[in-house]
């Protein structure tokens, strides 16, 4: 909406794709600690405290043993993959939406 407002017209499909990439990358970065906790829980040995499935416990264990770097382990590859997905999906969605609206206007 901000980009559209600043340029005084609706964003193009490639601009929507760029917005999707930024949104996906931001979301990936913010949720990386939760992904780390999920991975630790999934790979924990049966019967261990981590295997209980308590996300806060898993996050605390990572924080205690590896600090902030441990909580954000793999953040850049995760951001790259999800940004690429956001770019492709939102760009394709916007392009398809535009084509379908154009076809809808042409048919009676």
N, C-alpha and C. Protein backbone atom coordinates (compact mmCIF):
# COMPACT_ATOMS: atom_id res chain seq x y z
N UNK A 1 0.83 -1.19 0.00
CA UNK A 1 0.00 0.00 0.00
C UNK A 1 0.88 1.27 0.00
N UNK A 2 1.95 1.24 0.78
CA UNK A 2 2.84 2.41 0.85
C UNK A 2 3.52 2.66 -0.49
N UNK A 3 3.99 1.59 -1.12
CA UNK A 3 4.65 1.72 -2.42
C UNK A 3 3.67 2.27 -3.45
N UNK A 4 2.46 1.74 -3.44
CA UNK A 4 1.42 2.19 -4.35
C UNK A 4 1.10 3.67 -4.12
N UNK A 5 0.99 4.05 -2.88
CA UNK A 5 0.68 5.43 -2.54
C UNK A 5 1.81 6.37 -2.97
N UNK A 6 3.06 5.95 -2.76
CA UNK A 6 4.20 6.80 -3.11
C UNK A 6 4.34 7.02 -4.61
N UNK A 7 3.95 6.03 -5.41
CA UNK A 7 4.10 6.20 -6.86
C UNK A 7 2.79 6.60 -7.54
N UNK A 8 1.75 6.77 -6.79
CA UNK A 8 0.45 7.24 -7.28
C UNK A 8 -0.22 6.30 -8.28
N UNK A 9 0.07 5.02 -8.23
CA UNK A 9 -0.68 4.02 -9.00
C UNK A 9 -0.44 2.65 -8.38
N UNK A 10 -1.28 1.72 -8.78
CA UNK A 10 -1.20 0.36 -8.24
C UNK A 10 0.16 -0.25 -8.58
N UNK A 11 0.69 -1.04 -7.65
CA UNK A 11 1.99 -1.66 -7.88
C UNK A 11 1.90 -2.70 -9.00
N UNK A 12 3.01 -2.86 -9.71
CA UNK A 12 3.10 -3.87 -10.76
C UNK A 12 3.35 -5.23 -10.11
N UNK A 13 3.26 -6.29 -10.91
CA UNK A 13 3.46 -7.65 -10.41
C UNK A 13 4.86 -7.83 -9.84
N UNK A 14 5.86 -7.26 -10.50
CA UNK A 14 7.22 -7.43 -9.99
C UNK A 14 7.41 -6.70 -8.67
N UNK A 15 6.68 -5.60 -8.49
CA UNK A 15 6.75 -4.87 -7.23
C UNK A 15 6.07 -5.67 -6.12
N UNK A 16 4.96 -6.32 -6.46
CA UNK A 16 4.31 -7.21 -5.49
C UNK A 16 5.25 -8.35 -5.11
N UNK A 17 5.98 -8.86 -6.09
CA UNK A 17 6.93 -9.93 -5.83
C UNK A 17 8.03 -9.47 -4.87
N UNK A 18 8.52 -8.26 -5.06
CA UNK A 18 9.55 -7.71 -4.17
C UNK A 18 9.00 -7.55 -2.75
N UNK A 19 7.77 -7.08 -2.65
CA UNK A 19 7.13 -6.95 -1.33
C UNK A 19 6.98 -8.33 -0.67
N UNK A 20 6.63 -9.33 -1.46
CA UNK A 20 6.52 -10.70 -0.94
C UNK A 20 7.85 -11.21 -0.44
N UNK A 21 8.91 -10.88 -1.15
CA UNK A 21 10.25 -11.31 -0.73
C UNK A 21 10.64 -10.65 0.59
N UNK A 22 10.40 -9.35 0.72
CA UNK A 22 10.73 -8.67 1.97
C UNK A 22 9.89 -9.18 3.13
N UNK A 23 8.60 -9.35 2.89
CA UNK A 23 7.72 -9.85 3.95
C UNK A 23 8.13 -11.26 4.38
N UNK A 24 8.41 -12.11 3.40
CA UNK A 24 8.83 -13.47 3.72
C UNK A 24 10.15 -13.50 4.47
N UNK A 25 11.11 -12.70 4.05
CA UNK A 25 12.40 -12.64 4.72
C UNK A 25 12.29 -12.15 6.15
N UNK A 26 11.47 -11.14 6.36
CA UNK A 26 11.27 -10.61 7.71
C UNK A 26 10.61 -11.66 8.60
N UNK A 27 9.56 -12.29 8.09
CA UNK A 27 8.87 -13.32 8.86
C UNK A 27 9.79 -14.49 9.19
N UNK A 28 10.63 -14.86 8.23
CA UNK A 28 11.58 -15.95 8.45
C UNK A 28 12.56 -15.60 9.55
N UNK A 29 13.08 -14.38 9.53
CA UNK A 29 14.04 -13.96 10.55
C UNK A 29 13.41 -13.95 11.94
N UNK A 30 12.21 -13.39 12.03
CA UNK A 30 11.54 -13.26 13.32
C UNK A 30 11.18 -14.63 13.92
N UNK A 31 10.81 -15.58 13.08
CA UNK A 31 10.36 -16.88 13.58
C UNK A 31 11.47 -17.94 13.64
N UNK A 32 12.70 -17.57 13.31
CA UNK A 32 13.80 -18.54 13.34
C UNK A 32 13.98 -19.19 14.71
N UNK A 33 13.94 -18.46 15.82
CA UNK A 33 14.08 -19.14 17.11
C UNK A 33 13.02 -20.22 17.33
N UNK A 34 11.81 -19.99 16.88
CA UNK A 34 10.76 -21.01 17.02
C UNK A 34 11.08 -22.23 16.16
N UNK A 35 11.65 -21.99 14.99
CA UNK A 35 12.03 -23.09 14.11
C UNK A 35 13.17 -23.89 14.73
N UNK A 36 14.12 -23.20 15.35
CA UNK A 36 15.22 -23.88 16.05
C UNK A 36 14.66 -24.75 17.17
N UNK A 37 13.74 -24.21 17.96
CA UNK A 37 13.13 -24.98 19.06
C UNK A 37 12.39 -26.19 18.51
N UNK A 38 11.64 -26.01 17.44
CA UNK A 38 10.89 -27.13 16.84
C UNK A 38 11.84 -28.23 16.38
N UNK A 39 12.94 -27.82 15.75
CA UNK A 39 13.91 -28.80 15.27
C UNK A 39 14.55 -29.54 16.44
N UNK A 40 14.89 -28.82 17.51
CA UNK A 40 15.47 -29.47 18.69
C UNK A 40 14.50 -30.47 19.30
N UNK A 41 13.23 -30.10 19.37
CA UNK A 41 12.21 -31.00 19.93
C UNK A 41 12.07 -32.24 19.06
N UNK A 42 12.04 -32.05 17.75
CA UNK A 42 11.85 -33.18 16.83
C UNK A 42 13.04 -34.14 16.87
N UNK A 43 14.25 -33.62 17.10
CA UNK A 43 15.45 -34.46 17.08
C UNK A 43 15.87 -34.94 18.47
N UNK A 44 15.14 -34.55 19.50
CA UNK A 44 15.50 -34.93 20.87
C UNK A 44 15.30 -36.43 21.09
N UNK A 45 16.15 -36.98 21.93
CA UNK A 45 16.03 -38.40 22.28
C UNK A 45 14.79 -38.59 23.14
N UNK A 46 14.09 -39.68 22.91
CA UNK A 46 12.88 -39.99 23.67
C UNK A 46 13.21 -40.02 25.16
N UNK A 47 12.37 -39.41 25.95
CA UNK A 47 12.56 -39.38 27.39
C UNK A 47 13.33 -38.18 27.90
N UNK A 48 13.99 -37.43 27.00
CA UNK A 48 14.74 -36.25 27.45
C UNK A 48 13.77 -35.11 27.74
N UNK A 49 14.26 -34.11 28.46
CA UNK A 49 13.39 -32.98 28.80
C UNK A 49 12.97 -32.21 27.55
N UNK A 50 13.84 -32.16 26.55
CA UNK A 50 13.51 -31.46 25.31
C UNK A 50 12.42 -32.19 24.53
N UNK A 51 12.44 -33.53 24.61
CA UNK A 51 11.46 -34.34 23.87
C UNK A 51 10.04 -34.16 24.40
N UNK A 52 9.90 -33.52 25.55
CA UNK A 52 8.56 -33.32 26.11
C UNK A 52 7.71 -32.40 25.24
N UNK A 53 8.36 -31.61 24.39
CA UNK A 53 7.61 -30.73 23.48
C UNK A 53 7.40 -29.33 24.00
N UNK A 54 8.00 -29.00 25.12
CA UNK A 54 7.84 -27.67 25.69
C UNK A 54 8.75 -26.69 24.93
N UNK A 55 8.15 -25.81 24.15
CA UNK A 55 8.89 -24.87 23.31
C UNK A 55 9.73 -23.92 24.17
N UNK A 56 9.17 -23.41 25.25
CA UNK A 56 9.91 -22.47 26.09
C UNK A 56 11.13 -23.14 26.72
N UNK A 57 10.97 -24.39 27.11
CA UNK A 57 12.10 -25.14 27.67
C UNK A 57 13.20 -25.32 26.62
N UNK A 58 12.80 -25.65 25.40
CA UNK A 58 13.77 -25.83 24.31
C UNK A 58 14.48 -24.51 24.00
N UNK A 59 13.73 -23.42 23.96
CA UNK A 59 14.34 -22.11 23.71
C UNK A 59 15.32 -21.74 24.82
N UNK A 60 14.94 -22.01 26.07
CA UNK A 60 15.81 -21.70 27.21
C UNK A 60 17.10 -22.52 27.14
N UNK A 61 16.98 -23.78 26.79
CA UNK A 61 18.16 -24.65 26.68
C UNK A 61 19.12 -24.14 25.59
N UNK A 62 18.58 -23.75 24.46
CA UNK A 62 19.42 -23.21 23.38
C UNK A 62 20.07 -21.91 23.84
N UNK A 63 19.32 -21.04 24.47
CA UNK A 63 19.84 -19.76 24.97
C UNK A 63 20.97 -19.98 25.96
N UNK A 64 20.76 -20.95 26.87
CA UNK A 64 21.74 -21.23 27.92
C UNK A 64 23.03 -21.81 27.35
N UNK A 65 22.88 -22.69 26.34
CA UNK A 65 24.07 -23.38 25.82
C UNK A 65 24.77 -22.63 24.68
N UNK A 66 24.00 -21.91 23.86
CA UNK A 66 24.60 -21.29 22.67
C UNK A 66 24.34 -19.79 22.54
N UNK A 67 23.50 -19.25 23.39
CA UNK A 67 23.21 -17.82 23.35
C UNK A 67 22.38 -17.40 22.15
N UNK A 68 22.46 -16.14 21.84
CA UNK A 68 21.67 -15.56 20.74
C UNK A 68 22.01 -16.21 19.40
N UNK A 69 23.29 -16.52 19.19
CA UNK A 69 23.70 -17.15 17.93
C UNK A 69 23.00 -18.49 17.74
N UNK A 70 22.81 -19.23 18.80
CA UNK A 70 22.13 -20.52 18.71
C UNK A 70 20.65 -20.37 18.36
N UNK A 71 20.02 -19.34 18.92
CA UNK A 71 18.60 -19.11 18.63
C UNK A 71 18.37 -18.73 17.17
N UNK A 72 19.38 -18.10 16.56
CA UNK A 72 19.24 -17.67 15.17
C UNK A 72 20.11 -18.49 14.22
N UNK A 73 20.41 -19.71 14.62
CA UNK A 73 21.20 -20.60 13.75
C UNK A 73 20.45 -20.85 12.45
N UNK A 74 21.12 -20.67 11.34
CA UNK A 74 20.51 -20.92 10.03
C UNK A 74 19.60 -19.81 9.53
N UNK A 75 19.66 -18.63 10.14
CA UNK A 75 18.73 -17.56 9.78
C UNK A 75 18.90 -17.10 8.33
N UNK A 76 20.13 -17.03 7.82
CA UNK A 76 20.32 -16.51 6.46
C UNK A 76 19.84 -17.48 5.38
N UNK A 77 20.15 -18.77 5.46
CA UNK A 77 19.57 -19.69 4.46
C UNK A 77 18.04 -19.73 4.54
N UNK A 78 17.52 -19.67 5.76
CA UNK A 78 16.06 -19.68 5.94
C UNK A 78 15.43 -18.43 5.33
N UNK A 79 16.05 -17.27 5.56
CA UNK A 79 15.54 -16.03 4.97
C UNK A 79 15.61 -16.08 3.45
N UNK A 80 16.71 -16.61 2.93
CA UNK A 80 16.86 -16.67 1.47
C UNK A 80 15.79 -17.56 0.85
N UNK A 81 15.57 -18.73 1.42
CA UNK A 81 14.59 -19.66 0.86
C UNK A 81 13.18 -19.09 0.94
N UNK A 82 12.82 -18.54 2.08
CA UNK A 82 11.46 -18.03 2.25
C UNK A 82 11.25 -16.74 1.46
N UNK A 83 12.29 -15.93 1.33
CA UNK A 83 12.19 -14.72 0.49
C UNK A 83 11.96 -15.10 -0.97
N UNK A 84 12.69 -16.10 -1.43
CA UNK A 84 12.50 -16.56 -2.81
C UNK A 84 11.07 -17.06 -3.01
N UNK A 85 10.58 -17.83 -2.05
CA UNK A 85 9.20 -18.31 -2.13
C UNK A 85 8.21 -17.16 -2.16
N UNK A 86 8.41 -16.17 -1.28
CA UNK A 86 7.52 -15.01 -1.25
C UNK A 86 7.54 -14.24 -2.55
N UNK A 87 8.74 -14.12 -3.14
CA UNK A 87 8.88 -13.42 -4.42
C UNK A 87 8.09 -14.14 -5.51
N UNK A 88 8.29 -15.45 -5.60
CA UNK A 88 7.62 -16.24 -6.64
C UNK A 88 6.11 -16.28 -6.41
N UNK A 89 5.69 -16.61 -5.19
CA UNK A 89 4.27 -16.81 -4.94
C UNK A 89 3.46 -15.52 -5.05
N UNK A 90 3.94 -14.44 -4.43
CA UNK A 90 3.16 -13.20 -4.49
C UNK A 90 3.21 -12.60 -5.89
N UNK A 91 4.36 -12.70 -6.55
CA UNK A 91 4.44 -12.20 -7.93
C UNK A 91 3.53 -12.97 -8.87
N UNK A 92 3.54 -14.30 -8.74
CA UNK A 92 2.67 -15.14 -9.58
C UNK A 92 1.20 -14.89 -9.27
N UNK A 93 0.88 -14.74 -7.99
CA UNK A 93 -0.50 -14.45 -7.60
C UNK A 93 -0.97 -13.14 -8.22
N UNK A 94 -0.17 -12.10 -8.09
CA UNK A 94 -0.57 -10.80 -8.60
C UNK A 94 -0.69 -10.81 -10.13
N UNK A 95 0.24 -11.49 -10.79
CA UNK A 95 0.19 -11.59 -12.26
C UNK A 95 -1.06 -12.34 -12.69
N UNK A 96 -1.36 -13.46 -12.05
CA UNK A 96 -2.55 -14.25 -12.38
C UNK A 96 -3.83 -13.47 -12.09
N UNK A 97 -3.84 -12.78 -10.97
CA UNK A 97 -5.01 -11.96 -10.61
C UNK A 97 -5.26 -10.90 -11.67
N UNK A 98 -4.20 -10.23 -12.11
CA UNK A 98 -4.34 -9.21 -13.15
C UNK A 98 -4.85 -9.77 -14.46
N UNK A 99 -4.33 -10.94 -14.84
CA UNK A 99 -4.78 -11.58 -16.09
C UNK A 99 -6.25 -11.99 -16.01
N UNK A 100 -6.66 -12.55 -14.87
CA UNK A 100 -8.05 -12.96 -14.72
C UNK A 100 -9.00 -11.77 -14.68
N UNK A 101 -8.58 -10.68 -14.06
CA UNK A 101 -9.43 -9.48 -14.06
C UNK A 101 -9.57 -8.92 -15.47
N UNK A 102 -8.48 -8.97 -16.24
CA UNK A 102 -8.53 -8.51 -17.63
C UNK A 102 -9.46 -9.38 -18.47
N UNK A 103 -9.37 -10.68 -18.30
CA UNK A 103 -10.25 -11.60 -19.03
C UNK A 103 -11.70 -11.38 -18.62
N UNK A 104 -11.93 -11.14 -17.33
CA UNK A 104 -13.28 -10.88 -16.83
C UNK A 104 -13.88 -9.61 -17.41
N UNK A 105 -13.06 -8.62 -17.64
CA UNK A 105 -13.55 -7.36 -18.22
C UNK A 105 -13.91 -7.53 -19.70
N UNK A 106 -13.18 -8.42 -20.40
CA UNK A 106 -13.40 -8.61 -21.83
C UNK A 106 -14.61 -9.50 -22.12
N UNK A 107 -14.93 -10.43 -21.20
CA UNK A 107 -16.07 -11.32 -21.47
C UNK A 107 -17.37 -10.67 -21.04
N UNK A 108 -18.42 -11.02 -21.75
CA UNK A 108 -19.74 -10.40 -21.44
C UNK A 108 -20.34 -10.91 -20.17
